[in-house]
Amino acid sequence: MCLKKNKRMKEKYIQNKKIIQSKIGEEVVMMDMDSGFYFGLNSVASAIWAKLETEIAFDDLVEELLKEYKVEKSLCENDTKELLEQFREKNIIRIVQ
């Protein structure tokens, strides 16, 4: 388990630039033109998405979120991990080494 956590912390993430996106207020809507899949992100997920415009490590992403939101670190890590996994499953982010 520790190995997985350390590996995740070293990985960097970035948006898949093939995704078409539009900001509506504080939310983002996106479409994957390859699959035709449509995504809608709430304001927090949209903030995370914006931070993925340039490659960022998991730990750095969590630290930035902790500066912006009043949330416990463990909850922030777990929720961010879950969102990144969903993004990866839908191919809207890439992992860069």
C-alpha atoms as a PDB file:
ATOM      1  CA  MET A   1       0.000   0.000   0.000  1.00  0.00           C
ATOM      2  CA  CYS A   2       2.811   2.400   0.825  1.00  0.00           C
ATOM      3  CA  LEU A   3       4.405   1.674  -2.549  1.00  0.00           C
ATOM      4  CA  LYS A   4       1.213   2.597  -4.370  1.00  0.00           C
ATOM      5  CA  LYS A   5       0.931   5.809  -2.387  1.00  0.00           C
ATOM      6  CA  ASN A   6       4.579   6.730  -3.101  1.00  0.00           C
ATOM      7  CA  LYS A   7       4.158   5.960  -6.800  1.00  0.00           C
ATOM      8  CA  ARG A   8       1.019   8.105  -6.979  1.00  0.00           C
ATOM      9  CA  MET A   9       2.787  10.973  -5.245  1.00  0.00           C
ATOM     10  CA  LYS A  10       5.572  10.918  -7.855  1.00  0.00           C
ATOM     11  CA  GLU A  11       3.219  10.773 -10.829  1.00  0.00           C
ATOM     12  CA  LYS A  12       2.315  14.004 -12.540  1.00  0.00           C
ATOM     13  CA  TYR A  13      -1.018  14.628 -14.187  1.00  0.00           C
ATOM     14  CA  ILE A  14      -2.083  16.867 -17.058  1.00  0.00           C
ATOM     15  CA  GLN A  15      -5.271  17.528 -19.014  1.00  0.00           C
ATOM     16  CA  ASN A  16      -5.892  15.571 -22.188  1.00  0.00           C
ATOM     17  CA  LYS A  17      -5.716  18.442 -24.679  1.00  0.00           C
ATOM     18  CA  LYS A  18      -8.112  16.615 -27.047  1.00  0.00           C
ATOM     19  CA  ILE A  19     -10.985  17.347 -24.670  1.00  0.00           C
ATOM     20  CA  ILE A  20     -13.157  20.296 -25.698  1.00  0.00           C
ATOM     21  CA  GLN A  21     -14.128  22.408 -22.708  1.00  0.00           C
ATOM     22  CA  SER A  22     -16.150  25.455 -21.834  1.00  0.00           C
ATOM     23  CA  LYS A  23     -16.486  27.289 -18.548  1.00  0.00           C
ATOM     24  CA  ILE A  24     -19.983  28.190 -17.387  1.00  0.00           C
ATOM     25  CA  GLY A  25     -19.787  30.261 -14.227  1.00  0.00           C
ATOM     26  CA  GLU A  26     -17.614  28.289 -11.802  1.00  0.00           C
ATOM     27  CA  GLU A  27     -18.315  24.990 -13.540  1.00  0.00           C
ATOM     28  CA  VAL A  28     -16.755  23.342 -16.586  1.00  0.00           C
ATOM     29  CA  VAL A  29     -18.447  21.245 -19.238  1.00  0.00           C
ATOM     30  CA  MET A  30     -16.333  19.047 -21.480  1.00  0.00           C
ATOM     31  CA  MET A  31     -16.718  16.699 -24.410  1.00  0.00           C
ATOM     32  CA  ASP A  32     -14.443  13.926 -25.576  1.00  0.00           C
ATOM     33  CA  MET A  33     -14.750  14.094 -29.348  1.00  0.00           C
ATOM     34  CA  ASP A  34     -13.330  10.564 -29.759  1.00  0.00           C
ATOM     35  CA  SER A  35     -15.957   8.879 -27.588  1.00  0.00           C
ATOM     36  CA  GLY A  36     -18.700  11.520 -27.742  1.00  0.00           C
ATOM     37  CA  PHE A  37     -18.832  11.408 -23.932  1.00  0.00           C
ATOM     38  CA  TYR A  38     -20.008  14.597 -22.190  1.00  0.00           C
ATOM     39  CA  PHE A  39     -18.751  15.649 -18.732  1.00  0.00           C
ATOM     40  CA  GLY A  40     -19.956  18.267 -16.294  1.00  0.00           C
ATOM     41  CA  LEU A  41     -17.782  19.306 -13.348  1.00  0.00           C
ATOM     42  CA  ASN A  42     -18.904  21.055 -10.183  1.00  0.00           C
ATOM     43  CA  SER A  43     -16.951  24.074  -8.919  1.00  0.00           C
ATOM     44  CA  VAL A  44     -14.391  22.081  -6.888  1.00  0.00           C
ATOM     45  CA  ALA A  45     -13.764  19.532  -9.646  1.00  0.00           C
ATOM     46  CA  SER A  46     -13.495  22.478 -12.067  1.00  0.00           C
ATOM     47  CA  ALA A  47     -10.829  24.056  -9.838  1.00  0.00           C
ATOM     48  CA  ILE A  48      -8.889  20.788  -9.872  1.00  0.00           C
ATOM     49  CA  TRP A  49      -9.304  20.546 -13.649  1.00  0.00           C
ATOM     50  CA  ALA A  50      -7.862  24.065 -14.029  1.00  0.00           C
ATOM     51  CA  LYS A  51      -4.795  23.074 -11.980  1.00  0.00           C
ATOM     52  CA  LEU A  52      -4.208  20.207 -14.412  1.00  0.00           C
ATOM     53  CA  GLU A  53      -3.688  22.603 -17.311  1.00  0.00           C
ATOM     54  CA  THR A  54       0.035  22.176 -16.704  1.00  0.00           C
ATOM     55  CA  GLU A  55       1.527  18.991 -15.324  1.00  0.00           C
ATOM     56  CA  ILE A  56       1.327  18.746 -11.560  1.00  0.00           C
ATOM     57  CA  ALA A  57       2.285  16.106  -8.995  1.00  0.00           C
ATOM     58  CA  PHE A  58      -0.390  14.678  -6.721  1.00  0.00           C
ATOM     59  CA  ASP A  59       1.186  16.094  -3.544  1.00  0.00           C
ATOM     60  CA  ASP A  60       1.487  19.554  -5.094  1.00  0.00           C
ATOM     61  CA  LEU A  61      -2.122  19.436  -6.236  1.00  0.00           C
ATOM     62  CA  VAL A  62      -3.304  18.496  -2.742  1.00  0.00           C
ATOM     63  CA  GLU A  63      -1.197  21.248  -1.160  1.00  0.00           C
ATOM     64  CA  GLU A  64      -2.696  23.851  -3.505  1.00  0.00           C
ATOM     65  CA  LEU A  65      -6.206  22.654  -2.696  1.00  0.00           C
ATOM     66  CA  LEU A  66      -5.522  22.798   1.043  1.00  0.00           C
ATOM     67  CA  LYS A  67      -4.559  26.462   0.645  1.00  0.00           C
ATOM     68  CA  GLU A  68      -7.877  27.213  -1.082  1.00  0.00           C
ATOM     69  CA  TYR A  69     -10.349  25.030   0.818  1.00  0.00           C
ATOM     70  CA  LYS A  70     -10.930  24.359   4.506  1.00  0.00           C
ATOM     71  CA  VAL A  71     -10.725  20.584   4.493  1.00  0.00           C
ATOM     72  CA  GLU A  72      -8.768  17.919   6.348  1.00  0.00           C
ATOM     73  CA  LYS A  73      -5.699  16.730   4.464  1.00  0.00           C
ATOM     74  CA  SER A  74      -6.745  13.064   4.490  1.00  0.00           C
ATOM     75  CA  LEU A  75     -10.177  13.904   3.064  1.00  0.00           C
ATOM     76  CA  CYS A  76      -8.618  16.135   0.421  1.00  0.00           C
ATOM     77  CA  GLU A  77      -6.161  13.388  -0.569  1.00  0.00           C
ATOM     78  CA  ASN A  78      -8.872  10.730  -0.784  1.00  0.00           C
ATOM     79  CA  ASP A  79     -11.343  12.880  -2.722  1.00  0.00           C
ATOM     80  CA  THR A  80      -8.639  14.136  -5.098  1.00  0.00           C
ATOM     81  CA  LYS A  81      -7.381  10.601  -5.693  1.00  0.00           C
ATOM     82  CA  GLU A  82     -10.924   9.427  -6.451  1.00  0.00           C
ATOM     83  CA  LEU A  83     -11.520  12.296  -8.888  1.00  0.00           C
ATOM     84  CA  LEU A  84      -8.197  11.727 -10.665  1.00  0.00           C
ATOM     85  CA  GLU A  85      -9.059   8.029 -11.025  1.00  0.00           C
ATOM     86  CA  GLN A  86     -12.407   8.972 -12.579  1.00  0.00           C
ATOM     87  CA  PHE A  87     -10.637  11.398 -14.924  1.00  0.00           C
ATOM     88  CA  ARG A  88      -8.178   8.669 -15.914  1.00  0.00           C
ATOM     89  CA  GLU A  89     -10.954   6.132 -16.523  1.00  0.00           C
ATOM     90  CA  LYS A  90     -12.653   8.611 -18.858  1.00  0.00           C
ATOM     91  CA  ASN A  91      -9.322   9.498 -20.532  1.00  0.00           C
ATOM     92  CA  ILE A  92      -9.631  13.211 -19.788  1.00  0.00           C
ATOM     93  CA  ILE A  93      -6.231  13.403 -18.081  1.00  0.00           C
ATOM     94  CA  ARG A  94      -2.861  11.844 -18.819  1.00  0.00           C
ATOM     95  CA  ILE A  95      -0.096  10.700 -16.503  1.00  0.00           C
ATOM     96  CA  VAL A  96       3.328  12.082 -17.273  1.00  0.00           C
ATOM     97  CA  GLN A  97       6.489  10.811 -15.646  1.00  0.00           C
END
